[in-house]
Amino acid sequence: MNVRVIPSYDFDGYPDGINKRSFQAGVEASVPDHFAELLIAKKAAVRAKKQKSPDSE
């Protein structure tokens, strides 16, 4: 399952363990659960807040 995170700073990473990917500070990205937990633990990213859907109003 993928999780949306917002990186705290620019860096390159390997979310799937194979392919290199660049992350930019403040730009939301979708990554696998295990990679998200690692980024959050290292304070490299925060979990993105869920947005309200327009239909819920």
C-alpha atoms as a PDB file:
ATOM      1  CA  MET A   1       0.000   0.000   0.000  1.00  0.00           C
ATOM      2  CA  ASN A   2       1.231   3.488  -0.794  1.00  0.00           C
ATOM      3  CA  VAL A   3       1.247   6.446   1.570  1.00  0.00           C
ATOM      4  CA  ARG A   4       1.444  10.122   0.683  1.00  0.00           C
ATOM      5  CA  VAL A   5       4.234  12.076   2.377  1.00  0.00           C
ATOM      6  CA  ILE A   6       5.664  15.585   2.140  1.00  0.00           C
ATOM      7  CA  PRO A   7       9.484  15.685   2.251  1.00  0.00           C
ATOM      8  CA  SER A   8      11.167  18.169   4.629  1.00  0.00           C
ATOM      9  CA  TYR A   9      14.119  18.752   2.290  1.00  0.00           C
ATOM     10  CA  ASP A  10      15.390  17.733  -1.157  1.00  0.00           C
ATOM     11  CA  PHE A  11      16.968  14.276  -1.433  1.00  0.00           C
ATOM     12  CA  ASP A  12      17.232  11.193  -3.637  1.00  0.00           C
ATOM     13  CA  GLY A  13      15.939   7.836  -2.462  1.00  0.00           C
ATOM     14  CA  TYR A  14      15.100   4.301  -3.506  1.00  0.00           C
ATOM     15  CA  PRO A  15      11.500   3.722  -2.338  1.00  0.00           C
ATOM     16  CA  ASP A  16      11.253   0.336  -4.077  1.00  0.00           C
ATOM     17  CA  GLY A  17      14.861  -0.619  -3.342  1.00  0.00           C
ATOM     18  CA  ILE A  18      15.770  -0.577  -7.050  1.00  0.00           C
ATOM     19  CA  ASN A  19      14.940   2.672  -8.825  1.00  0.00           C
ATOM     20  CA  LYS A  20      16.362   6.034  -7.775  1.00  0.00           C
ATOM     21  CA  ARG A  21      13.819   8.810  -7.279  1.00  0.00           C
ATOM     22  CA  SER A  22      14.242  12.500  -6.444  1.00  0.00           C
ATOM     23  CA  PHE A  23      12.120  14.080  -3.733  1.00  0.00           C
ATOM     24  CA  GLN A  24      11.608  17.833  -3.382  1.00  0.00           C
ATOM     25  CA  ALA A  25      10.861  19.659  -0.142  1.00  0.00           C
ATOM     26  CA  GLY A  26       7.182  20.505   0.190  1.00  0.00           C
ATOM     27  CA  VAL A  27       6.087  18.461  -2.852  1.00  0.00           C
ATOM     28  CA  GLU A  28       3.734  15.613  -1.957  1.00  0.00           C
ATOM     29  CA  ALA A  29       4.898  12.146  -3.033  1.00  0.00           C
ATOM     30  CA  SER A  30       3.403   8.672  -2.902  1.00  0.00           C
ATOM     31  CA  VAL A  31       5.727   5.980  -1.490  1.00  0.00           C
ATOM     32  CA  PRO A  32       5.363   2.422  -0.093  1.00  0.00           C
ATOM     33  CA  ASP A  33       4.436   2.086   3.615  1.00  0.00           C
ATOM     34  CA  HIS A  34       7.845   0.802   4.723  1.00  0.00           C
ATOM     35  CA  PHE A  35       9.663   3.701   2.998  1.00  0.00           C
ATOM     36  CA  ALA A  36       7.237   6.253   4.460  1.00  0.00           C
ATOM     37  CA  GLU A  37       7.855   4.948   7.986  1.00  0.00           C
ATOM     38  CA  LEU A  38      11.614   5.231   7.439  1.00  0.00           C
ATOM     39  CA  LEU A  39      11.345   8.821   6.148  1.00  0.00           C
ATOM     40  CA  ILE A  40       9.077   9.851   9.017  1.00  0.00           C
ATOM     41  CA  ALA A  41      11.390   8.244  11.614  1.00  0.00           C
ATOM     42  CA  LYS A  42      14.384  10.110  10.171  1.00  0.00           C
ATOM     43  CA  LYS A  43      12.348  13.352  10.092  1.00  0.00           C
ATOM     44  CA  ALA A  44      12.923  13.547   6.331  1.00  0.00           C
ATOM     45  CA  ALA A  45       9.171  13.752   5.674  1.00  0.00           C
ATOM     46  CA  VAL A  46       5.761  14.067   7.297  1.00  0.00           C
ATOM     47  CA  ARG A  47       2.609  12.173   6.406  1.00  0.00           C
ATOM     48  CA  ALA A  48       0.344  14.209   4.120  1.00  0.00           C
ATOM     49  CA  LYS A  49      -3.005  15.117   5.597  1.00  0.00           C
ATOM     50  CA  LYS A  50      -6.054  13.636   3.929  1.00  0.00           C
ATOM     51  CA  GLN A  51      -7.975  16.215   1.967  1.00  0.00           C
ATOM     52  CA  LYS A  52     -11.721  16.490   2.280  1.00  0.00           C
ATOM     53  CA  SER A  53     -13.478  15.362  -0.827  1.00  0.00           C
ATOM     54  CA  PRO A  54     -15.860  17.908  -2.364  1.00  0.00           C
ATOM     55  CA  ASP A  55     -18.655  15.318  -2.122  1.00  0.00           C
ATOM     56  CA  SER A  56     -18.513  15.195   1.684  1.00  0.00           C
ATOM     57  CA  GLU A  57     -19.961  18.681   2.130  1.00  0.00           C
END
